[in-house]
């Protein structure tokens, strides 16, 4: 019975860790997109900002495992240009068998300002 409770506790901690990393990565991508949307700022600068924020909030090693890419995307319906930052990578599981990886993929968009 106690083994089952310990395994349940580990599972809850693992799910909480994954949601925490995903939440931080999502906030970093959104902030990077808002930064890249400013007039005169290149789109790739948003990805660099998101990676820096990930490094501060989690760790530099985690930021390397969740690389971010930025670019400009035209919305198909309106033709408006948005700055987009996508972060995608894998994080290792804390309690699952060795080698088990969890994929995290987040993105953020913001309307690009005209210069």
C-alpha atoms as a PDB file:
ATOM      1  CA  UNK A   1       0.000   0.000   0.000  1.00  0.00           C
ATOM      2  CA  UNK A   2       2.770   2.448   0.904  1.00  0.00           C
ATOM      3  CA  UNK A   3       4.619   1.690  -2.345  1.00  0.00           C
ATOM      4  CA  UNK A   4       1.511   2.607  -4.297  1.00  0.00           C
ATOM      5  CA  UNK A   5       1.194   5.902  -2.424  1.00  0.00           C
ATOM      6  CA  UNK A   6       4.837   6.752  -3.033  1.00  0.00           C
ATOM      7  CA  UNK A   7       4.462   6.034  -6.755  1.00  0.00           C
ATOM      8  CA  UNK A   8       1.333   8.199  -6.850  1.00  0.00           C
ATOM      9  CA  UNK A   9       3.239  11.014  -5.144  1.00  0.00           C
ATOM     10  CA  UNK A  10       6.053  10.720  -7.690  1.00  0.00           C
ATOM     11  CA  UNK A  11       3.549  10.828 -10.549  1.00  0.00           C
ATOM     12  CA  UNK A  12       1.948  13.990  -9.164  1.00  0.00           C
ATOM     13  CA  UNK A  13       5.359  15.643  -8.757  1.00  0.00           C
ATOM     14  CA  UNK A  14       6.292  14.705 -12.345  1.00  0.00           C
ATOM     15  CA  UNK A  15       3.084  16.163 -13.781  1.00  0.00           C
ATOM     16  CA  UNK A  16       3.572  19.342 -11.744  1.00  0.00           C
ATOM     17  CA  UNK A  17       7.153  19.701 -13.018  1.00  0.00           C
ATOM     18  CA  UNK A  18       6.056  19.310 -16.649  1.00  0.00           C
ATOM     19  CA  UNK A  19       3.269  21.867 -16.260  1.00  0.00           C
ATOM     20  CA  UNK A  20       5.663  24.296 -14.561  1.00  0.00           C
ATOM     21  CA  UNK A  21       8.217  24.057 -17.378  1.00  0.00           C
ATOM     22  CA  UNK A  22       5.480  24.422 -19.989  1.00  0.00           C
ATOM     23  CA  UNK A  23       4.030  27.467 -18.244  1.00  0.00           C
ATOM     24  CA  UNK A  24       7.411  29.184 -17.953  1.00  0.00           C
ATOM     25  CA  UNK A  25       8.256  28.387 -21.593  1.00  0.00           C
ATOM     26  CA  UNK A  26       4.893  29.727 -22.754  1.00  0.00           C
ATOM     27  CA  UNK A  27       5.388  32.981 -20.857  1.00  0.00           C
ATOM     28  CA  UNK A  28       8.930  33.332 -22.244  1.00  0.00           C
ATOM     29  CA  UNK A  29       7.721  32.754 -25.826  1.00  0.00           C
ATOM     30  CA  UNK A  30       4.925  35.315 -25.411  1.00  0.00           C
ATOM     31  CA  UNK A  31       7.334  37.880 -23.985  1.00  0.00           C
ATOM     32  CA  UNK A  32       9.823  37.211 -26.774  1.00  0.00           C
ATOM     33  CA  UNK A  33       7.090  37.701 -29.380  1.00  0.00           C
ATOM     34  CA  UNK A  34       6.032  40.999 -27.799  1.00  0.00           C
ATOM     35  CA  UNK A  35       9.656  42.133 -27.809  1.00  0.00           C
ATOM     36  CA  UNK A  36      10.158  41.131 -31.457  1.00  0.00           C
ATOM     37  CA  UNK A  37       6.955  42.939 -32.441  1.00  0.00           C
ATOM     38  CA  UNK A  38       8.488  46.320 -31.641  1.00  0.00           C
ATOM     39  CA  UNK A  39       9.425  48.489 -34.609  1.00  0.00           C
ATOM     40  CA  UNK A  40      13.066  48.171 -35.597  1.00  0.00           C
ATOM     41  CA  UNK A  41      13.637  44.908 -33.706  1.00  0.00           C
ATOM     42  CA  UNK A  42      14.533  41.844 -35.804  1.00  0.00           C
ATOM     43  CA  UNK A  43      12.300  38.811 -35.413  1.00  0.00           C
ATOM     44  CA  UNK A  44      15.154  36.570 -34.234  1.00  0.00           C
ATOM     45  CA  UNK A  45      15.754  38.910 -31.280  1.00  0.00           C
ATOM     46  CA  UNK A  46      12.493  37.654 -29.799  1.00  0.00           C
ATOM     47  CA  UNK A  47      13.793  34.085 -29.781  1.00  0.00           C
ATOM     48  CA  UNK A  48      17.024  35.193 -28.127  1.00  0.00           C
ATOM     49  CA  UNK A  49      15.039  37.043 -25.465  1.00  0.00           C
ATOM     50  CA  UNK A  50      12.844  33.983 -24.850  1.00  0.00           C
ATOM     51  CA  UNK A  51      15.926  31.777 -24.478  1.00  0.00           C
ATOM     52  CA  UNK A  52      17.450  34.247 -22.017  1.00  0.00           C
ATOM     53  CA  UNK A  53      14.251  34.274 -19.967  1.00  0.00           C
ATOM     54  CA  UNK A  54      14.179  30.478 -19.934  1.00  0.00           C
ATOM     55  CA  UNK A  55      17.763  30.475 -18.723  1.00  0.00           C
ATOM     56  CA  UNK A  56      16.898  32.837 -15.881  1.00  0.00           C
ATOM     57  CA  UNK A  57      13.676  31.136 -14.827  1.00  0.00           C
ATOM     58  CA  UNK A  58      14.728  27.490 -15.143  1.00  0.00           C
ATOM     59  CA  UNK A  59      18.426  26.968 -15.827  1.00  0.00           C
ATOM     60  CA  UNK A  60      20.855  27.542 -18.697  1.00  0.00           C
ATOM     61  CA  UNK A  61      20.897  23.786 -19.350  1.00  0.00           C
ATOM     62  CA  UNK A  62      17.108  23.697 -19.628  1.00  0.00           C
ATOM     63  CA  UNK A  63      17.189  26.698 -21.981  1.00  0.00           C
ATOM     64  CA  UNK A  64      19.535  24.745 -24.271  1.00  0.00           C
ATOM     65  CA  UNK A  65      17.134  21.793 -24.263  1.00  0.00           C
ATOM     66  CA  UNK A  66      14.196  24.044 -25.250  1.00  0.00           C
ATOM     67  CA  UNK A  67      15.564  26.018 -28.219  1.00  0.00           C
ATOM     68  CA  UNK A  68      13.471  28.926 -29.469  1.00  0.00           C
ATOM     69  CA  UNK A  69      13.109  30.239 -33.014  1.00  0.00           C
ATOM     70  CA  UNK A  70      11.579  33.529 -34.102  1.00  0.00           C
ATOM     71  CA  UNK A  71      10.164  34.789 -37.328  1.00  0.00           C
ATOM     72  CA  UNK A  72       7.572  36.950 -39.012  1.00  0.00           C
ATOM     73  CA  UNK A  73       4.306  35.307 -40.050  1.00  0.00           C
ATOM     74  CA  UNK A  74       1.569  36.811 -42.211  1.00  0.00           C
ATOM     75  CA  UNK A  75      -1.925  35.982 -41.009  1.00  0.00           C
ATOM     76  CA  UNK A  76      -3.793  34.279 -43.869  1.00  0.00           C
ATOM     77  CA  UNK A  77      -7.141  36.018 -43.374  1.00  0.00           C
ATOM     78  CA  UNK A  78      -6.052  39.576 -42.756  1.00  0.00           C
ATOM     79  CA  UNK A  79      -2.537  39.732 -44.181  1.00  0.00           C
ATOM     80  CA  UNK A  80      -1.281  41.378 -40.987  1.00  0.00           C
ATOM     81  CA  UNK A  81       2.286  40.546 -40.033  1.00  0.00           C
ATOM     82  CA  UNK A  82       2.899  39.037 -36.613  1.00  0.00           C
ATOM     83  CA  UNK A  83       6.098  38.243 -34.774  1.00  0.00           C
ATOM     84  CA  UNK A  84       6.115  34.619 -33.667  1.00  0.00           C
ATOM     85  CA  UNK A  85       8.400  32.806 -31.238  1.00  0.00           C
ATOM     86  CA  UNK A  86       8.275  29.008 -30.966  1.00  0.00           C
ATOM     87  CA  UNK A  87      10.065  26.987 -28.317  1.00  0.00           C
ATOM     88  CA  UNK A  88      10.188  23.215 -28.713  1.00  0.00           C
ATOM     89  CA  UNK A  89      12.243  20.591 -26.999  1.00  0.00           C
ATOM     90  CA  UNK A  90      12.252  17.646 -24.665  1.00  0.00           C
ATOM     91  CA  UNK A  91      12.737  17.421 -20.948  1.00  0.00           C
ATOM     92  CA  UNK A  92      13.740  14.253 -19.192  1.00  0.00           C
ATOM     93  CA  UNK A  93      11.341  12.600 -16.854  1.00  0.00           C
ATOM     94  CA  UNK A  94      12.234  12.790 -13.189  1.00  0.00           C
ATOM     95  CA  UNK A  95      10.672   9.529 -12.058  1.00  0.00           C
ATOM     96  CA  UNK A  96       9.891   7.554 -15.182  1.00  0.00           C
ATOM     97  CA  UNK A  97      12.400   5.025 -16.546  1.00  0.00           C
ATOM     98  CA  UNK A  98      15.716   6.390 -17.743  1.00  0.00           C
ATOM     99  CA  UNK A  99      15.497   7.759 -21.253  1.00  0.00           C
ATOM    100  CA  UNK A 100      11.831   8.724 -21.075  1.00  0.00           C
ATOM    101  CA  UNK A 101      11.410  12.200 -22.505  1.00  0.00           C
ATOM    102  CA  UNK A 102       8.480  14.579 -22.422  1.00  0.00           C
ATOM    103  CA  UNK A 103       8.027  16.950 -25.387  1.00  0.00           C
ATOM    104  CA  UNK A 104       7.227  20.584 -24.683  1.00  0.00           C
ATOM    105  CA  UNK A 105       6.097  22.850 -27.532  1.00  0.00           C
ATOM    106  CA  UNK A 106       4.838  26.399 -27.026  1.00  0.00           C
ATOM    107  CA  UNK A 107       4.496  29.529 -29.145  1.00  0.00           C
ATOM    108  CA  UNK A 108       3.733  33.183 -28.752  1.00  0.00           C
ATOM    109  CA  UNK A 109       2.551  35.772 -31.286  1.00  0.00           C
ATOM    110  CA  UNK A 110       2.231  39.507 -31.324  1.00  0.00           C
ATOM    111  CA  UNK A 111       1.216  41.995 -34.023  1.00  0.00           C
ATOM    112  CA  UNK A 112       4.306  43.590 -35.602  1.00  0.00           C
ATOM    113  CA  UNK A 113       4.577  47.378 -35.307  1.00  0.00           C
ATOM    114  CA  UNK A 114       5.238  49.378 -38.452  1.00  0.00           C
ATOM    115  CA  UNK A 115       8.543  51.265 -38.501  1.00  0.00           C
END
